[in-house]
């Protein structure tokens, strides 16, 4: 089995509402410069960035081009990193990451409290 480097992190990040702000899908919005710059810093320190989005085809290409315009180059797109596939012995449909950044994220505790208020 392949050993993972303990110091390196994998970050999966969504596009619409996360890297791109203020637009309605499928339009491209404004770049989330603060997030893009932070991801670039993490990547420059050896961490890996995966674009994790529902976009595909031309819309996916547009999102990738949008991010590349601001200097964010992904290590993978809607797929696991090759070393993770090797580590687990398969390419799971779920993207493996240490951090998932998405405008729709909820921590477990937030979800439980949200559910209690809304039911």
C-alpha atoms as a PDB file:
ATOM      1  CA  UNK A   1       0.000   0.000   0.000  1.00  0.00           C
ATOM      2  CA  UNK A   2       1.184   3.543  -0.761  1.00  0.00           C
ATOM      3  CA  UNK A   3       1.917   5.825   2.185  1.00  0.00           C
ATOM      4  CA  UNK A   4       0.386   9.302   2.092  1.00  0.00           C
ATOM      5  CA  UNK A   5       2.608  12.207   2.966  1.00  0.00           C
ATOM      6  CA  UNK A   6       1.260  13.454   6.292  1.00  0.00           C
ATOM      7  CA  UNK A   7       2.073  17.086   5.705  1.00  0.00           C
ATOM      8  CA  UNK A   8       0.285  17.455   2.378  1.00  0.00           C
ATOM      9  CA  UNK A   9      -3.444  18.185   2.254  1.00  0.00           C
ATOM     10  CA  UNK A  10      -5.999  17.683  -0.493  1.00  0.00           C
ATOM     11  CA  UNK A  11      -8.589  20.418  -0.929  1.00  0.00           C
ATOM     12  CA  UNK A  12     -11.755  19.886  -2.989  1.00  0.00           C
ATOM     13  CA  UNK A  13     -13.395  23.160  -3.986  1.00  0.00           C
ATOM     14  CA  UNK A  14     -16.694  23.937  -5.698  1.00  0.00           C
ATOM     15  CA  UNK A  15     -17.025  26.501  -8.480  1.00  0.00           C
ATOM     16  CA  UNK A  16     -20.483  28.136  -8.556  1.00  0.00           C
ATOM     17  CA  UNK A  17     -21.043  30.282  -5.468  1.00  0.00           C
ATOM     18  CA  UNK A  18     -17.568  29.439  -4.177  1.00  0.00           C
ATOM     19  CA  UNK A  19     -14.802  30.290  -6.665  1.00  0.00           C
ATOM     20  CA  UNK A  20     -17.284  32.294  -8.770  1.00  0.00           C
ATOM     21  CA  UNK A  21     -19.589  34.697  -6.930  1.00  0.00           C
ATOM     22  CA  UNK A  22     -22.716  36.675  -7.730  1.00  0.00           C
ATOM     23  CA  UNK A  23     -23.998  34.830 -10.770  1.00  0.00           C
ATOM     24  CA  UNK A  24     -26.776  32.433 -11.591  1.00  0.00           C
ATOM     25  CA  UNK A  25     -25.680  29.137 -13.183  1.00  0.00           C
ATOM     26  CA  UNK A  26     -24.570  28.696 -15.927  1.00  0.00           C
ATOM     27  CA  UNK A  27     -23.217  32.261 -16.074  1.00  0.00           C
ATOM     28  CA  UNK A  28     -19.757  33.011 -14.718  1.00  0.00           C
ATOM     29  CA  UNK A  29     -19.696  35.486 -11.862  1.00  0.00           C
ATOM     30  CA  UNK A  30     -16.963  37.502 -10.249  1.00  0.00           C
ATOM     31  CA  UNK A  31     -13.839  35.714  -9.043  1.00  0.00           C
ATOM     32  CA  UNK A  32     -13.604  35.062  -5.321  1.00  0.00           C
ATOM     33  CA  UNK A  33     -10.107  36.544  -5.269  1.00  0.00           C
ATOM     34  CA  UNK A  34      -9.549  35.979  -1.539  1.00  0.00           C
ATOM     35  CA  UNK A  35     -10.306  32.264  -1.861  1.00  0.00           C
ATOM     36  CA  UNK A  36      -8.368  31.889  -5.118  1.00  0.00           C
ATOM     37  CA  UNK A  37      -5.302  33.553  -3.585  1.00  0.00           C
ATOM     38  CA  UNK A  38      -5.530  31.403  -0.444  1.00  0.00           C
ATOM     39  CA  UNK A  39      -5.808  28.206  -2.500  1.00  0.00           C
ATOM     40  CA  UNK A  40      -2.782  29.258  -4.545  1.00  0.00           C
ATOM     41  CA  UNK A  41      -0.792  29.760  -1.303  1.00  0.00           C
ATOM     42  CA  UNK A  42      -1.763  26.275  -0.102  1.00  0.00           C
ATOM     43  CA  UNK A  43      -0.867  24.812  -3.485  1.00  0.00           C
ATOM     44  CA  UNK A  44       2.498  26.583  -3.513  1.00  0.00           C
ATOM     45  CA  UNK A  45       3.244  24.821  -0.204  1.00  0.00           C
ATOM     46  CA  UNK A  46       2.736  21.399  -1.820  1.00  0.00           C
ATOM     47  CA  UNK A  47      -0.956  20.858  -1.160  1.00  0.00           C
ATOM     48  CA  UNK A  48      -3.259  19.593  -3.929  1.00  0.00           C
ATOM     49  CA  UNK A  49      -6.388  21.326  -5.242  1.00  0.00           C
ATOM     50  CA  UNK A  50      -9.292  19.493  -6.893  1.00  0.00           C
ATOM     51  CA  UNK A  51     -12.094  21.310  -8.692  1.00  0.00           C
ATOM     52  CA  UNK A  52     -15.272  19.592  -7.527  1.00  0.00           C
ATOM     53  CA  UNK A  53     -18.267  20.831  -9.506  1.00  0.00           C
ATOM     54  CA  UNK A  54     -21.452  19.664 -11.217  1.00  0.00           C
ATOM     55  CA  UNK A  55     -20.373  21.459 -14.395  1.00  0.00           C
ATOM     56  CA  UNK A  56     -19.378  19.377 -17.397  1.00  0.00           C
ATOM     57  CA  UNK A  57     -18.603  19.795 -21.085  1.00  0.00           C
ATOM     58  CA  UNK A  58     -18.187  23.378 -22.290  1.00  0.00           C
ATOM     59  CA  UNK A  59     -19.455  24.772 -18.977  1.00  0.00           C
ATOM     60  CA  UNK A  60     -16.710  22.877 -17.153  1.00  0.00           C
ATOM     61  CA  UNK A  61     -14.115  24.107 -19.643  1.00  0.00           C
ATOM     62  CA  UNK A  62     -15.338  27.669 -19.013  1.00  0.00           C
ATOM     63  CA  UNK A  63     -14.935  27.229 -15.254  1.00  0.00           C
ATOM     64  CA  UNK A  64     -11.408  25.831 -15.629  1.00  0.00           C
ATOM     65  CA  UNK A  65     -10.425  28.677 -17.975  1.00  0.00           C
ATOM     66  CA  UNK A  66     -11.946  31.199 -15.543  1.00  0.00           C
ATOM     67  CA  UNK A  67      -9.796  29.883 -12.682  1.00  0.00           C
ATOM     68  CA  UNK A  68      -6.644  29.612 -14.795  1.00  0.00           C
ATOM     69  CA  UNK A  69      -7.084  33.283 -15.741  1.00  0.00           C
ATOM     70  CA  UNK A  70      -6.553  34.060 -12.031  1.00  0.00           C
ATOM     71  CA  UNK A  71      -3.618  31.672 -11.655  1.00  0.00           C
ATOM     72  CA  UNK A  72      -5.448  28.714 -10.118  1.00  0.00           C
ATOM     73  CA  UNK A  73      -4.421  25.499 -11.890  1.00  0.00           C
ATOM     74  CA  UNK A  74      -6.101  22.347 -10.605  1.00  0.00           C
ATOM     75  CA  UNK A  75      -4.316  19.101  -9.799  1.00  0.00           C
ATOM     76  CA  UNK A  76      -7.501  17.213 -10.712  1.00  0.00           C
ATOM     77  CA  UNK A  77     -10.998  18.033 -11.927  1.00  0.00           C
ATOM     78  CA  UNK A  78     -13.998  16.036 -10.692  1.00  0.00           C
ATOM     79  CA  UNK A  79     -11.681  13.107 -10.058  1.00  0.00           C
ATOM     80  CA  UNK A  80      -9.445  11.689  -7.377  1.00  0.00           C
ATOM     81  CA  UNK A  81      -5.713  12.243  -7.500  1.00  0.00           C
ATOM     82  CA  UNK A  82      -3.795   9.277  -8.995  1.00  0.00           C
ATOM     83  CA  UNK A  83      -1.972   8.659  -5.709  1.00  0.00           C
ATOM     84  CA  UNK A  84      -5.309   8.382  -3.873  1.00  0.00           C
ATOM     85  CA  UNK A  85      -6.612   5.866  -6.428  1.00  0.00           C
ATOM     86  CA  UNK A  86      -3.423   3.861  -5.913  1.00  0.00           C
ATOM     87  CA  UNK A  87      -3.679   4.138  -2.110  1.00  0.00           C
ATOM     88  CA  UNK A  88      -7.282   2.863  -1.961  1.00  0.00           C
ATOM     89  CA  UNK A  89      -6.959   0.478  -4.907  1.00  0.00           C
ATOM     90  CA  UNK A  90      -9.944   2.005  -6.706  1.00  0.00           C
ATOM     91  CA  UNK A  91     -11.332   5.309  -7.932  1.00  0.00           C
ATOM     92  CA  UNK A  92     -14.312   5.928  -5.703  1.00  0.00           C
ATOM     93  CA  UNK A  93     -17.073   8.181  -7.001  1.00  0.00           C
ATOM     94  CA  UNK A  94     -16.611  10.284  -3.864  1.00  0.00           C
ATOM     95  CA  UNK A  95     -13.688  12.669  -4.160  1.00  0.00           C
ATOM     96  CA  UNK A  96     -11.235  12.083  -1.321  1.00  0.00           C
ATOM     97  CA  UNK A  97     -10.094  15.315   0.335  1.00  0.00           C
ATOM     98  CA  UNK A  98      -9.017  16.672   3.694  1.00  0.00           C
ATOM     99  CA  UNK A  99     -11.077  19.834   3.161  1.00  0.00           C
ATOM    100  CA  UNK A 100     -14.249  20.391   1.140  1.00  0.00           C
ATOM    101  CA  UNK A 101     -14.949  24.044   0.329  1.00  0.00           C
ATOM    102  CA  UNK A 102     -18.457  24.707  -0.959  1.00  0.00           C
ATOM    103  CA  UNK A 103     -20.989  27.484  -0.443  1.00  0.00           C
ATOM    104  CA  UNK A 104     -23.512  24.796   0.511  1.00  0.00           C
ATOM    105  CA  UNK A 105     -21.338  23.182   3.208  1.00  0.00           C
ATOM    106  CA  UNK A 106     -22.710  22.589   6.675  1.00  0.00           C
ATOM    107  CA  UNK A 107     -20.839  21.189   9.642  1.00  0.00           C
ATOM    108  CA  UNK A 108     -22.644  18.285  11.301  1.00  0.00           C
ATOM    109  CA  UNK A 109     -23.457  20.434  14.326  1.00  0.00           C
ATOM    110  CA  UNK A 110     -24.866  23.212  12.131  1.00  0.00           C
ATOM    111  CA  UNK A 111     -27.017  20.728  10.243  1.00  0.00           C
ATOM    112  CA  UNK A 112     -28.475  19.252  13.425  1.00  0.00           C
ATOM    113  CA  UNK A 113     -29.329  22.717  14.778  1.00  0.00           C
ATOM    114  CA  UNK A 114     -30.740  23.777  11.399  1.00  0.00           C
ATOM    115  CA  UNK A 115     -32.910  20.673  11.220  1.00  0.00           C
ATOM    116  CA  UNK A 116     -34.241  21.216  14.749  1.00  0.00           C
ATOM    117  CA  UNK A 117     -35.314  24.766  13.874  1.00  0.00           C
ATOM    118  CA  UNK A 118     -36.858  23.941  10.493  1.00  0.00           C
ATOM    119  CA  UNK A 119     -38.882  20.777  11.232  1.00  0.00           C
END
